[in-house]
């Protein structure tokens, strides 16, 4: 059987535990909102894969030329 290469983009879920510094007088709710608005500044650390979370990103797959 002849074959060709199909480049597959996958989206997977993972989780990590991290931390971010917030002002000392923040409430829990304020800290959550702060973290949400600064999410790109939170270090990722070690990522743990969530089993069976794979989804094929069909818009970004193609055949290798």
N, C-alpha and C. Protein backbone atom coordinates (compact mmCIF):
# COMPACT_ATOMS: atom_id res chain seq x y z
N UNK A 1 0.84 -1.18 0.00
CA UNK A 1 0.00 0.00 0.00
C UNK A 1 0.89 1.24 0.00
N UNK A 2 0.64 2.13 -0.93
CA UNK A 2 1.35 3.41 -0.96
C UNK A 2 0.74 4.34 0.08
N UNK A 3 1.58 5.19 0.64
CA UNK A 3 1.09 6.14 1.65
C UNK A 3 1.61 7.54 1.34
N UNK A 4 1.01 8.51 1.99
CA UNK A 4 1.52 9.88 1.95
C UNK A 4 1.35 10.45 3.35
N UNK A 5 2.09 11.52 3.63
CA UNK A 5 2.09 12.10 4.96
C UNK A 5 0.97 13.12 5.11
N UNK A 6 0.21 12.96 6.15
CA UNK A 6 -0.87 13.90 6.49
C UNK A 6 -0.47 14.59 7.79
N UNK A 7 -0.25 15.89 7.73
CA UNK A 7 0.13 16.68 8.89
C UNK A 7 -1.11 16.99 9.71
N UNK A 8 -1.11 16.56 10.96
CA UNK A 8 -2.28 16.69 11.82
C UNK A 8 -1.98 17.66 12.96
N UNK A 9 -2.82 18.67 13.12
CA UNK A 9 -2.73 19.58 14.26
C UNK A 9 -3.71 19.12 15.32
N UNK A 10 -3.22 18.98 16.53
CA UNK A 10 -4.05 18.51 17.63
C UNK A 10 -4.18 19.60 18.68
N UNK A 11 -5.35 19.67 19.26
CA UNK A 11 -5.58 20.51 20.43
C UNK A 11 -5.76 19.55 21.59
N UNK A 12 -4.97 19.74 22.63
CA UNK A 12 -5.06 18.89 23.82
C UNK A 12 -5.23 19.76 25.05
N UNK A 13 -5.85 19.20 26.07
CA UNK A 13 -6.01 19.92 27.32
C UNK A 13 -4.96 19.43 28.31
N UNK A 14 -4.52 20.35 29.15
CA UNK A 14 -3.60 20.01 30.21
C UNK A 14 -3.88 20.93 31.39
N UNK A 15 -3.27 20.62 32.52
CA UNK A 15 -3.43 21.48 33.68
C UNK A 15 -2.09 21.63 34.38
N UNK A 16 -2.02 22.68 35.17
CA UNK A 16 -0.82 22.95 35.96
C UNK A 16 -1.23 23.72 37.21
N UNK A 17 -0.40 23.68 38.20
CA UNK A 17 -0.58 24.53 39.38
C UNK A 17 0.50 25.59 39.32
N UNK A 18 0.12 26.85 39.50
CA UNK A 18 1.06 27.94 39.40
C UNK A 18 0.69 29.00 40.42
N UNK A 19 1.29 30.18 40.31
CA UNK A 19 0.95 31.27 41.21
C UNK A 19 1.25 32.60 40.54
N UNK A 20 0.67 33.65 41.08
CA UNK A 20 0.88 35.01 40.61
C UNK A 20 0.78 35.93 41.82
N UNK A 21 1.56 36.99 41.84
CA UNK A 21 1.53 37.95 42.94
C UNK A 21 0.39 38.95 42.72
N UNK A 22 -0.39 39.18 43.77
CA UNK A 22 -1.49 40.15 43.72
C UNK A 22 -1.35 41.08 44.91
N UNK A 23 -1.96 42.27 44.85
CA UNK A 23 -1.89 43.17 46.00
C UNK A 23 -2.40 42.50 47.28
N UNK A 24 -1.74 42.83 48.38
CA UNK A 24 -2.00 42.18 49.67
C UNK A 24 -3.45 42.33 50.13
N UNK A 25 -4.09 43.43 49.81
CA UNK A 25 -5.45 43.68 50.31
C UNK A 25 -6.55 43.13 49.40
N UNK A 26 -6.19 42.40 48.36
CA UNK A 26 -7.20 41.84 47.44
C UNK A 26 -8.02 40.76 48.14
N UNK A 27 -9.30 40.72 47.81
CA UNK A 27 -10.15 39.61 48.22
C UNK A 27 -9.94 38.46 47.24
N UNK A 28 -10.50 37.31 47.56
CA UNK A 28 -10.41 36.16 46.65
C UNK A 28 -10.98 36.52 45.28
N UNK A 29 -12.14 37.16 45.26
CA UNK A 29 -12.80 37.53 44.00
C UNK A 29 -11.93 38.50 43.19
N UNK A 30 -11.31 39.47 43.86
CA UNK A 30 -10.43 40.42 43.17
C UNK A 30 -9.20 39.70 42.61
N UNK A 31 -8.67 38.76 43.38
CA UNK A 31 -7.51 38.01 42.92
C UNK A 31 -7.84 37.17 41.68
N UNK A 32 -9.03 36.56 41.66
CA UNK A 32 -9.46 35.79 40.48
C UNK A 32 -9.54 36.71 39.27
N UNK A 33 -10.18 37.87 39.41
CA UNK A 33 -10.30 38.81 38.29
C UNK A 33 -8.93 39.30 37.82
N UNK A 34 -8.05 39.56 38.76
CA UNK A 34 -6.69 39.99 38.42
C UNK A 34 -5.98 38.90 37.63
N UNK A 35 -6.06 37.67 38.12
CA UNK A 35 -5.42 36.54 37.43
C UNK A 35 -5.99 36.37 36.02
N UNK A 36 -7.31 36.52 35.88
CA UNK A 36 -7.92 36.40 34.55
C UNK A 36 -7.40 37.48 33.60
N UNK A 37 -7.23 38.69 34.11
CA UNK A 37 -6.78 39.79 33.24
C UNK A 37 -5.27 39.76 33.00
N UNK A 38 -4.53 38.95 33.75
CA UNK A 38 -3.08 38.82 33.58
C UNK A 38 -2.69 37.37 33.29
N UNK A 39 -3.58 36.63 32.67
CA UNK A 39 -3.38 35.19 32.48
C UNK A 39 -2.10 34.85 31.71
N UNK A 40 -1.71 35.70 30.78
CA UNK A 40 -0.50 35.42 30.00
C UNK A 40 0.78 35.60 30.81
N UNK A 41 0.67 36.21 31.98
CA UNK A 41 1.83 36.43 32.83
C UNK A 41 2.03 35.29 33.84
N UNK A 42 1.07 34.39 33.93
CA UNK A 42 1.16 33.29 34.89
C UNK A 42 2.06 32.20 34.31
N UNK A 43 3.14 31.84 35.02
CA UNK A 43 4.03 30.80 34.50
C UNK A 43 3.31 29.46 34.36
N UNK A 44 3.62 28.76 33.27
CA UNK A 44 2.96 27.48 33.02
C UNK A 44 3.52 26.35 33.86
N UNK A 45 4.80 26.36 34.16
CA UNK A 45 5.37 25.26 34.94
C UNK A 45 5.24 23.93 34.23
N UNK A 46 5.15 22.85 34.99
CA UNK A 46 5.01 21.52 34.42
C UNK A 46 3.56 21.29 34.04
N UNK A 47 3.32 20.96 32.79
CA UNK A 47 1.98 20.71 32.29
C UNK A 47 1.66 19.22 32.36
N UNK A 48 0.50 18.89 32.88
CA UNK A 48 0.05 17.51 32.95
C UNK A 48 -1.09 17.31 31.95
N UNK A 49 -0.88 16.38 31.05
CA UNK A 49 -1.84 16.06 30.00
C UNK A 49 -3.12 15.47 30.59
N UNK A 50 -4.26 15.92 30.08
CA UNK A 50 -5.55 15.36 30.48
C UNK A 50 -5.92 14.28 29.47
N UNK A 51 -5.98 13.03 29.94
CA UNK A 51 -6.28 11.90 29.07
C UNK A 51 -7.54 12.11 28.25
N UNK A 52 -7.48 11.63 27.01
CA UNK A 52 -8.62 11.65 26.09
C UNK A 52 -9.16 13.05 25.80
N UNK A 53 -8.31 14.07 25.87
CA UNK A 53 -8.75 15.43 25.59
C UNK A 53 -8.42 15.86 24.16
N UNK A 54 -7.81 14.99 23.38
CA UNK A 54 -7.36 15.33 22.04
C UNK A 54 -8.52 15.65 21.10
N UNK A 55 -8.34 16.72 20.35
CA UNK A 55 -9.29 17.12 19.30
C UNK A 55 -8.46 17.49 18.08
N UNK A 56 -8.83 17.01 16.92
CA UNK A 56 -8.13 17.38 15.69
C UNK A 56 -8.59 18.76 15.25
N UNK A 57 -7.61 19.65 15.03
CA UNK A 57 -7.88 21.01 14.53
C UNK A 57 -7.93 20.91 13.01
N UNK A 58 -9.09 20.58 12.49
CA UNK A 58 -9.24 20.27 11.07
C UNK A 58 -8.85 21.42 10.15
N UNK A 59 -8.97 22.65 10.62
CA UNK A 59 -8.63 23.81 9.79
C UNK A 59 -7.13 23.96 9.59
N UNK A 60 -6.33 23.24 10.38
CA UNK A 60 -4.88 23.37 10.28
C UNK A 60 -4.18 22.07 9.96
N UNK A 61 -4.87 21.19 9.26
CA UNK A 61 -4.28 19.94 8.79
C UNK A 61 -4.08 20.05 7.28
N UNK A 62 -3.07 19.33 6.79
CA UNK A 62 -2.85 19.31 5.35
C UNK A 62 -1.95 18.14 4.98
N UNK A 63 -1.84 17.91 3.69
CA UNK A 63 -0.93 16.89 3.21
C UNK A 63 0.45 17.52 3.00
N UNK A 64 1.47 16.76 3.33
CA UNK A 64 2.83 17.23 3.07
C UNK A 64 3.07 17.21 1.58
N UNK A 65 3.72 18.23 1.11
CA UNK A 65 3.98 18.33 -0.35
C UNK A 65 5.19 17.54 -0.75
